[in-house]
Protein backbone atom coordinates (compact mmCIF):
# COMPACT_ATOMS: atom_id res chain seq x y z
CA MET A 1 12.36 25.51 3.70
CA LEU A 2 9.12 24.07 2.14
CA ARG A 3 8.67 20.71 1.78
CA SER A 4 6.07 18.76 -0.57
CA PHE A 5 4.54 15.43 -1.61
CA GLU A 6 6.21 14.08 -5.15
CA ARG A 7 4.59 10.89 -5.82
CA GLU A 8 6.29 10.11 -8.76
CA ARG A 9 8.52 9.17 -5.58
CA LEU A 10 6.09 6.79 -4.46
CA PRO A 11 7.65 3.54 -4.10
CA ASP A 12 6.95 -0.05 -7.49
CA PRO A 13 3.85 -1.31 -5.72
CA LEU A 14 4.76 -4.48 -6.63
CA GLY A 15 8.54 -4.14 -4.87
CA TYR A 16 6.36 -2.74 -2.13
CA PHE A 17 4.04 -4.79 -1.66
CA GLU A 18 6.59 -7.95 -1.35
CA ALA A 19 9.03 -5.99 0.76
CA GLU A 20 5.74 -5.60 2.85
CA GLY A 21 5.51 -9.68 3.95
CA LEU A 22 2.74 -9.80 1.30
CA ARG A 23 2.78 -13.31 -0.42
CA LEU A 24 0.62 -12.06 -3.95
CA PHE A 25 -1.21 -15.01 -5.33
CA GLY A 26 -2.61 -14.91 -9.37
CA ARG A 27 -0.69 -13.10 -12.24
CA LYS A 28 -1.91 -10.33 -13.41
CA SER A 29 -2.77 -6.64 -12.37
CA TRP A 30 -5.60 -7.47 -9.12
CA ARG A 31 -4.17 -9.99 -7.09
CA SER A 32 -4.53 -11.90 -3.93
CA THR A 33 -2.99 -12.19 -0.27
CA LEU A 34 -4.07 -12.59 3.30
CA CYS A 35 -5.20 -9.30 5.19
CA CYS A 36 -3.11 -7.50 7.11
CA PHE A 37 -6.11 -5.44 8.79
CA HIS A 38 -7.82 -8.36 9.94
CA GLN A 39 -7.25 -11.93 11.02
CA ASP A 40 -7.25 -13.68 7.95
CA SER A 41 -6.69 -17.47 7.10
CA ASN A 42 -8.82 -17.30 3.40
CA PRO A 43 -7.00 -14.56 1.25
CA SER A 44 -9.65 -11.91 0.89
CA LEU A 45 -7.05 -8.59 0.58
CA ARG A 46 -6.99 -7.76 -3.16
CA VAL A 47 -4.30 -5.90 -4.21
CA ASN A 48 -3.26 -4.13 -7.86
CA VAL A 49 0.62 -4.37 -8.50
CA GLU A 50 0.11 -1.76 -10.84
CA THR A 51 -1.81 1.39 -9.20
CA GLY A 52 -1.31 0.02 -5.99
CA ALA A 53 -4.55 0.47 -4.74
CA TYR A 54 -6.58 -2.62 -2.39
CA ARG A 55 -9.44 -3.68 -0.70
CA CYS A 56 -10.50 -6.51 1.60
CA MET A 57 -13.89 -7.99 0.64
CA ALA A 58 -13.43 -9.39 4.33
CA CYS A 59 -13.17 -6.29 6.85
CA GLY A 60 -13.79 -3.61 4.17
CA ALA A 61 -10.54 -1.84 4.07
CA LYS A 62 -9.25 0.21 0.97
CA GLY A 63 -7.52 2.99 -0.68
CA GLY A 64 -5.58 4.16 -4.20
CA ASP A 65 -2.47 3.71 -3.97
CA VAL A 66 0.69 2.18 -1.44
CA LEU A 67 0.77 5.64 0.40
CA ALA A 68 -2.69 4.58 1.49
CA PHE A 69 -1.89 1.04 1.89
CA HIS A 70 1.17 2.31 4.26
CA ARG A 71 -0.87 4.69 5.96
CA ALA A 72 -3.26 2.38 6.80
CA ARG A 73 -1.52 -0.24 8.10
CA HIS A 74 1.50 1.28 10.24
CA GLY A 75 -1.15 4.78 11.84
CA LEU A 76 0.73 6.94 10.77
CA SER A 77 -0.41 10.71 9.22
CA PHE A 78 0.14 11.34 5.56
CA VAL A 79 3.57 13.21 5.54
CA GLN A 80 5.01 10.57 7.71
CA ALA A 81 4.02 7.78 5.79
CA ALA A 82 5.04 10.29 2.35
CA ARG A 83 8.75 10.66 4.47
CA ASP A 84 9.19 6.76 4.92
CA LEU A 85 8.16 5.93 2.18
CA GLY A 86 10.10 8.88 0.13
CA ALA A 87 7.88 10.81 -1.82
CA TRP A 88 8.25 13.91 1.24
CA GLY A 89 11.10 16.11 -0.58
CA ALA A 90 12.15 20.42 -0.70
CA ALA A 91 10.09 22.97 -2.09
C-alpha cells in the first residue's frame, strides 16, 4: 500500500503550538514565546499562528510549518513526524 504526505491534514498552528506547551505572547499572526531549542529566559522564539512558521532570534532555529517544528523539537524523520501529526495517509 502506498502512503503519502497530506499537507491539508496538518493541525491548526495555533492549537498545535498551544498543545506543545508554548505560552504565546501577542495578538497578531507572529507571536513570541520561550524557545524550546535552547535555554531561554527571554521570549526569543517567534511563531506564526497562521502558517506554522517559526524562527528563534537567539539560536537561529527556523522552519516553515508545524511539521518542521515537530521534526526539530522531537528529533523525528519526515515520515514519523507526519504520522504523529496525522498527515501521513494512504495514496
